[in-house]
C-alpha atoms as a PDB file:
ATOM      1  CA  UNK A   1      19.645  11.421   4.771  1.00  0.00           C
ATOM      2  CA  UNK A   2      17.003  14.194   5.356  1.00  0.00           C
ATOM      3  CA  UNK A   3      14.257  14.819   3.510  1.00  0.00           C
ATOM      4  CA  UNK A   4      12.660  18.753   3.256  1.00  0.00           C
ATOM      5  CA  UNK A   5       9.095  19.037   3.184  1.00  0.00           C
ATOM      6  CA  UNK A   6       7.757  22.426   2.638  1.00  0.00           C
ATOM      7  CA  UNK A   7       4.370  23.685   4.023  1.00  0.00           C
ATOM      8  CA  UNK A   8       1.882  25.292   1.499  1.00  0.00           C
ATOM      9  CA  UNK A   9       1.784  28.452   2.627  1.00  0.00           C
ATOM     10  CA  UNK A  10       4.207  29.887   4.762  1.00  0.00           C
ATOM     11  CA  UNK A  11       7.977  29.449   4.370  1.00  0.00           C
ATOM     12  CA  UNK A  12       8.471  27.176   7.915  1.00  0.00           C
ATOM     13  CA  UNK A  13      10.267  23.263   6.534  1.00  0.00           C
ATOM     14  CA  UNK A  14       9.143  20.123   8.295  1.00  0.00           C
ATOM     15  CA  UNK A  15      12.337  17.715   8.294  1.00  0.00           C
ATOM     16  CA  UNK A  16      12.180  14.265   8.131  1.00  0.00           C
ATOM     17  CA  UNK A  17      14.893  11.410   8.303  1.00  0.00           C
ATOM     18  CA  UNK A  18      14.860   8.642   5.848  1.00  0.00           C
ATOM     19  CA  UNK A  19      16.803   6.644   8.375  1.00  0.00           C
ATOM     20  CA  UNK A  20      15.049   7.371  12.031  1.00  0.00           C
ATOM     21  CA  UNK A  21      18.560   4.915  13.336  1.00  0.00           C
ATOM     22  CA  UNK A  22      20.705   7.488  12.172  1.00  0.00           C
ATOM     23  CA  UNK A  23      18.511  10.020  13.407  1.00  0.00           C
ATOM     24  CA  UNK A  24      18.656   8.767  16.799  1.00  0.00           C
ATOM     25  CA  UNK A  25      22.094   8.045  16.619  1.00  0.00           C
ATOM     26  CA  UNK A  26      23.171  11.867  15.691  1.00  0.00           C
ATOM     27  CA  UNK A  27      20.651  12.861  18.402  1.00  0.00           C
ATOM     28  CA  UNK A  28      22.648  10.619  21.222  1.00  0.00           C
ATOM     29  CA  UNK A  29      18.955   8.990  21.349  1.00  0.00           C
ATOM     30  CA  UNK A  30      17.980  12.054  23.753  1.00  0.00           C
ATOM     31  CA  UNK A  31      14.359  12.495  21.361  1.00  0.00           C
ATOM     32  CA  UNK A  32      12.983   9.854  21.030  1.00  0.00           C
ATOM     33  CA  UNK A  33       8.850  10.864  20.845  1.00  0.00           C
ATOM     34  CA  UNK A  34       6.510   8.234  19.950  1.00  0.00           C
ATOM     35  CA  UNK A  35       4.959  11.002  17.954  1.00  0.00           C
ATOM     36  CA  UNK A  36       7.941  12.426  15.844  1.00  0.00           C
ATOM     37  CA  UNK A  37       9.252   8.870  15.146  1.00  0.00           C
ATOM     38  CA  UNK A  38       5.208   7.708  13.572  1.00  0.00           C
ATOM     39  CA  UNK A  39       5.446  11.012  11.710  1.00  0.00           C
ATOM     40  CA  UNK A  40       8.366   9.590  10.013  1.00  0.00           C
ATOM     41  CA  UNK A  41       7.560   6.304   9.664  1.00  0.00           C
ATOM     42  CA  UNK A  42       4.369   7.940   7.658  1.00  0.00           C
ATOM     43  CA  UNK A  43       6.250  10.261   5.699  1.00  0.00           C
ATOM     44  CA  UNK A  44       8.961   7.398   4.930  1.00  0.00           C
ATOM     45  CA  UNK A  45       6.105   5.125   3.228  1.00  0.00           C
ATOM     46  CA  UNK A  46       3.966   7.360   1.823  1.00  0.00           C
ATOM     47  CA  UNK A  47       7.288   8.982  -0.314  1.00  0.00           C
ATOM     48  CA  UNK A  48       8.106   5.470  -0.944  1.00  0.00           C
ATOM     49  CA  UNK A  49       4.425   4.748  -2.238  1.00  0.00           C
ATOM     50  CA  UNK A  50       5.001   7.256  -4.884  1.00  0.00           C
ATOM     51  CA  UNK A  51       2.818  10.251  -3.342  1.00  0.00           C
ATOM     52  CA  UNK A  52       4.384  13.761  -3.422  1.00  0.00           C
ATOM     53  CA  UNK A  53       4.146  14.472   0.432  1.00  0.00           C
ATOM     54  CA  UNK A  54       3.436  18.081   1.931  1.00  0.00           C
ATOM     55  CA  UNK A  55       2.541  19.964   5.119  1.00  0.00           C
ATOM     56  CA  UNK A  56      -0.863  21.382   4.740  1.00  0.00           C
ATOM     57  CA  UNK A  57      -1.904  24.699   6.292  1.00  0.00           C
ATOM     58  CA  UNK A  58      -5.382  25.915   6.968  1.00  0.00           C
ATOM     59  CA  UNK A  59      -6.626  29.064   7.325  1.00  0.00           C
ATOM     60  CA  UNK A  60      -9.087  29.825  10.111  1.00  0.00           C
ATOM     61  CA  UNK A  61     -10.272  33.074  11.939  1.00  0.00           C
ATOM     62  CA  UNK A  62     -11.634  32.678  15.086  1.00  0.00           C
ATOM     63  CA  UNK A  63     -12.924  34.577  18.309  1.00  0.00           C
ATOM     64  CA  UNK A  64     -10.301  35.635  21.320  1.00  0.00           C
ATOM     65  CA  UNK A  65     -10.843  35.352  24.739  1.00  0.00           C
ATOM     66  CA  UNK A  66     -11.286  39.124  24.720  1.00  0.00           C
ATOM     67  CA  UNK A  67     -13.931  38.875  21.907  1.00  0.00           C
ATOM     68  CA  UNK A  68     -11.497  39.852  19.338  1.00  0.00           C
ATOM     69  CA  UNK A  69     -11.429  37.886  15.602  1.00  0.00           C
ATOM     70  CA  UNK A  70      -8.342  36.904  14.686  1.00  0.00           C
ATOM     71  CA  UNK A  71      -6.443  34.420  11.997  1.00  0.00           C
ATOM     72  CA  UNK A  72      -4.644  31.379  13.232  1.00  0.00           C
ATOM     73  CA  UNK A  73      -3.388  28.794  11.242  1.00  0.00           C
ATOM     74  CA  UNK A  74      -3.938  24.682  11.627  1.00  0.00           C
ATOM     75  CA  UNK A  75      -1.086  22.048  10.303  1.00  0.00           C
ATOM     76  CA  UNK A  76      -2.387  19.246   8.281  1.00  0.00           C
ATOM     77  CA  UNK A  77       0.597  16.979   9.231  1.00  0.00           C
ATOM     78  CA  UNK A  78       0.433  15.451   5.278  1.00  0.00           C
ATOM     79  CA  UNK A  79      -1.140  16.444   2.211  1.00  0.00           C
ATOM     80  CA  UNK A  80      -0.449  13.841  -0.344  1.00  0.00           C
ATOM     81  CA  UNK A  81      -1.258  13.651  -3.858  1.00  0.00           C
ATOM     82  CA  UNK A  82      -0.392  11.108  -6.481  1.00  0.00           C
ATOM     83  CA  UNK A  83      -1.804  11.750 -10.380  1.00  0.00           C
ATOM     84  CA  UNK A  84      -5.267  12.949  -9.166  1.00  0.00           C
ATOM     85  CA  UNK A  85      -5.801  11.987  -5.664  1.00  0.00           C
ATOM     86  CA  UNK A  86      -5.588  13.941  -2.687  1.00  0.00           C
ATOM     87  CA  UNK A  87      -5.271  12.591   0.757  1.00  0.00           C
ATOM     88  CA  UNK A  88      -5.268  14.810   3.811  1.00  0.00           C
ATOM     89  CA  UNK A  89      -3.563  12.535   6.874  1.00  0.00           C
ATOM     90  CA  UNK A  90      -3.355  13.822  10.593  1.00  0.00           C
ATOM     91  CA  UNK A  91      -1.021  11.743  12.553  1.00  0.00           C
ATOM     92  CA  UNK A  92      -1.653  10.945  16.374  1.00  0.00           C
ATOM     93  CA  UNK A  93      -0.709   8.822  19.527  1.00  0.00           C
ATOM     94  CA  UNK A  94      -4.301   8.225  20.356  1.00  0.00           C
ATOM     95  CA  UNK A  95      -7.764   9.670  19.892  1.00  0.00           C
ATOM     96  CA  UNK A  96      -9.064   7.857  23.284  1.00  0.00           C
ATOM     97  CA  UNK A  97     -10.109  10.897  24.789  1.00  0.00           C
ATOM     98  CA  UNK A  98     -12.570  13.267  22.550  1.00  0.00           C
ATOM     99  CA  UNK A  99     -10.735  16.600  23.463  1.00  0.00           C
ATOM    100  CA  UNK A 100      -7.772  15.165  21.502  1.00  0.00           C
ATOM    101  CA  UNK A 101      -9.901  13.524  18.923  1.00  0.00           C
ATOM    102  CA  UNK A 102     -11.567  17.028  18.290  1.00  0.00           C
ATOM    103  CA  UNK A 103      -7.807  18.995  18.494  1.00  0.00           C
ATOM    104  CA  UNK A 104      -6.296  16.286  15.778  1.00  0.00           C
ATOM    105  CA  UNK A 105      -9.057  16.756  13.847  1.00  0.00           C
ATOM    106  CA  UNK A 106      -9.894  20.518  13.594  1.00  0.00           C
ATOM    107  CA  UNK A 107      -7.673  21.306  10.727  1.00  0.00           C
ATOM    108  CA  UNK A 108      -9.023  18.761   8.695  1.00  0.00           C
ATOM    109  CA  UNK A 109     -12.751  19.893   9.199  1.00  0.00           C
ATOM    110  CA  UNK A 110     -12.148  23.201   7.934  1.00  0.00           C
ATOM    111  CA  UNK A 111     -11.267  21.763   4.427  1.00  0.00           C
ATOM    112  CA  UNK A 112     -14.274  22.055   2.252  1.00  0.00           C
ATOM    113  CA  UNK A 113     -13.422  19.532  -0.397  1.00  0.00           C
ATOM    114  CA  UNK A 114     -14.115  15.885  -0.895  1.00  0.00           C
ATOM    115  CA  UNK A 115     -10.837  14.422  -0.646  1.00  0.00           C
ATOM    116  CA  UNK A 116     -10.371  11.441   1.493  1.00  0.00           C
ATOM    117  CA  UNK A 117      -9.409  12.216   4.769  1.00  0.00           C
ATOM    118  CA  UNK A 118      -7.538   9.990   7.641  1.00  0.00           C
ATOM    119  CA  UNK A 119      -6.368   9.788  10.980  1.00  0.00           C
ATOM    120  CA  UNK A 120      -3.610   7.205  11.706  1.00  0.00           C
ATOM    121  CA  UNK A 121      -3.117   6.866  15.037  1.00  0.00           C
ATOM    122  CA  UNK A 122      -0.813   4.229  17.270  1.00  0.00           C
ATOM    123  CA  UNK A 123      -3.177   1.886  18.737  1.00  0.00           C
ATOM    124  CA  UNK A 124      -4.786  -1.212  16.778  1.00  0.00           C
ATOM    125  CA  UNK A 125      -7.912  -0.123  16.447  1.00  0.00           C
ATOM    126  CA  UNK A 126     -11.285  -0.979  14.150  1.00  0.00           C
ATOM    127  CA  UNK A 127     -11.062   1.130  11.234  1.00  0.00           C
ATOM    128  CA  UNK A 128     -14.046   3.457  11.530  1.00  0.00           C
ATOM    129  CA  UNK A 129     -15.626   7.040   9.751  1.00  0.00           C
ATOM    130  CA  UNK A 130     -16.736   9.975  11.962  1.00  0.00           C
ATOM    131  CA  UNK A 131     -20.033  12.217  11.003  1.00  0.00           C
ATOM    132  CA  UNK A 132     -17.749  14.202   8.991  1.00  0.00           C
ATOM    133  CA  UNK A 133     -16.461  11.011   6.534  1.00  0.00           C
ATOM    134  CA  UNK A 134     -12.900  11.318   8.533  1.00  0.00           C
ATOM    135  CA  UNK A 135     -11.174   7.993   8.387  1.00  0.00           C
ATOM    136  CA  UNK A 136      -9.807   6.592  11.619  1.00  0.00           C
ATOM    137  CA  UNK A 137      -7.331   3.617  11.264  1.00  0.00           C
ATOM    138  CA  UNK A 138      -4.029   2.572  13.564  1.00  0.00           C
ATOM    139  CA  UNK A 139      -0.623   2.608  11.682  1.00  0.00           C
ATOM    140  CA  UNK A 140       0.038  -1.235  11.536  1.00  0.00           C
ATOM    141  CA  UNK A 141      -3.521  -1.292   9.151  1.00  0.00           C
ATOM    142  CA  UNK A 142      -2.556   1.236   7.497  1.00  0.00           C
ATOM    143  CA  UNK A 143       1.237  -0.338   6.567  1.00  0.00           C
ATOM    144  CA  UNK A 144      -0.183  -3.315   5.941  1.00  0.00           C
ATOM    145  CA  UNK A 145      -3.383  -2.998   3.459  1.00  0.00           C
ATOM    146  CA  UNK A 146      -1.316  -1.241   1.236  1.00  0.00           C
ATOM    147  CA  UNK A 147       1.583  -3.919   1.249  1.00  0.00           C
ATOM    148  CA  UNK A 148      -1.566  -6.526   0.686  1.00  0.00           C
ATOM    149  CA  UNK A 149      -2.381  -4.490  -2.282  1.00  0.00           C
ATOM    150  CA  UNK A 150       0.894  -4.665  -3.918  1.00  0.00           C
ATOM    151  CA  UNK A 151       0.938  -8.568  -3.250  1.00  0.00           C
ATOM    152  CA  UNK A 152       4.585  -9.008  -1.789  1.00  0.00           C
ATOM    153  CA  UNK A 153       2.874  -9.603   1.304  1.00  0.00           C
ATOM    154  CA  UNK A 154       5.367 -11.959   3.159  1.00  0.00           C
ATOM    155  CA  UNK A 155       7.823 -10.246   2.990  1.00  0.00           C
ATOM    156  CA  UNK A 156       6.579  -7.102   3.440  1.00  0.00           C
ATOM    157  CA  UNK A 157       4.907  -8.454   6.927  1.00  0.00           C
ATOM    158  CA  UNK A 158       8.508  -8.744   8.121  1.00  0.00           C
ATOM    159  CA  UNK A 159       9.776  -5.529   6.953  1.00  0.00           C
ATOM    160  CA  UNK A 160       6.508  -4.238   8.964  1.00  0.00           C
ATOM    161  CA  UNK A 161       7.291  -6.179  12.019  1.00  0.00           C
ATOM    162  CA  UNK A 162      10.475  -4.961  12.064  1.00  0.00           C
ATOM    163  CA  UNK A 163       9.694  -1.302  11.797  1.00  0.00           C
ATOM    164  CA  UNK A 164       7.213  -1.495  14.456  1.00  0.00           C
ATOM    165  CA  UNK A 165       9.975  -3.490  16.487  1.00  0.00           C
ATOM    166  CA  UNK A 166      12.607  -1.257  15.848  1.00  0.00           C
ATOM    167  CA  UNK A 167      10.249   2.172  16.939  1.00  0.00           C
ATOM    168  CA  UNK A 168       8.482   0.370  19.840  1.00  0.00           C
ATOM    169  CA  UNK A 169       4.957   0.509  18.194  1.00  0.00           C
ATOM    170  CA  UNK A 170       4.232  -3.134  19.349  1.00  0.00           C
ATOM    171  CA  UNK A 171       0.514  -4.635  18.294  1.00  0.00           C
ATOM    172  CA  UNK A 172      -0.423  -7.922  19.259  1.00  0.00           C
ATOM    173  CA  UNK A 173      -2.260  -8.244  16.029  1.00  0.00           C
ATOM    174  CA  UNK A 174       1.016  -9.283  14.012  1.00  0.00           C
ATOM    175  CA  UNK A 175       0.258 -13.383  13.911  1.00  0.00           C
ATOM    176  CA  UNK A 176      -3.204 -13.197  12.996  1.00  0.00           C
ATOM    177  CA  UNK A 177      -2.653 -10.427  10.494  1.00  0.00           C
ATOM    178  CA  UNK A 178       0.106 -12.756   9.017  1.00  0.00           C
ATOM    179  CA  UNK A 179      -2.776 -16.150   9.519  1.00  0.00           C
ATOM    180  CA  UNK A 180      -5.024 -13.796   7.430  1.00  0.00           C
ATOM    181  CA  UNK A 181      -2.359 -12.903   4.608  1.00  0.00           C
ATOM    182  CA  UNK A 182      -1.649 -16.687   4.429  1.00  0.00           C
ATOM    183  CA  UNK A 183      -5.293 -17.954   4.036  1.00  0.00           C
ATOM    184  CA  UNK A 184      -5.185 -14.867   1.580  1.00  0.00           C
ATOM    185  CA  UNK A 185      -2.232 -16.038  -0.576  1.00  0.00           C
ATOM    186  CA  UNK A 186      -3.589 -19.414  -0.243  1.00  0.00           C
ATOM    187  CA  UNK A 187      -6.966 -18.614  -2.085  1.00  0.00           C
ATOM    188  CA  UNK A 188      -5.043 -16.644  -5.408  1.00  0.00           C
END
């Protein structure tokens, strides 16, 4: 099954597969870019959490090399809404390089509201916020933090571990997380 997400501005559409394995089979396992697969995982998880998910576009005016002002549009990977809450989420394989980090947050810094802005990366990182208040978090931590909140931890950890294995987004922290969750369950 394919889900279509419309952009806030413009007529272009973005498509996500609800089953990435079927996507890979349909494409004959040719196009397996980690960034697209990671976006697909995030989209599926956000919709499963009950968010209304759209792709955002921020209009901006910049000066080109000739010194002329021109309009451009910057994409926000996900604009998620549930109730009165809104989250802006950028998906990036890594932000280890400062230029890459600035490129990823360029659209987020152009938004002039106080809703939460998040950059999700493939790597295991310690959560941190930059000077603009943008949260940086690893995909595994994002998935598992939500899972802890709903109280179905053990079953969902196996589910997340299978997702990460399936899409080759391996992290060495699964056993450490399992130990932390088991300790948390004993306290309850």
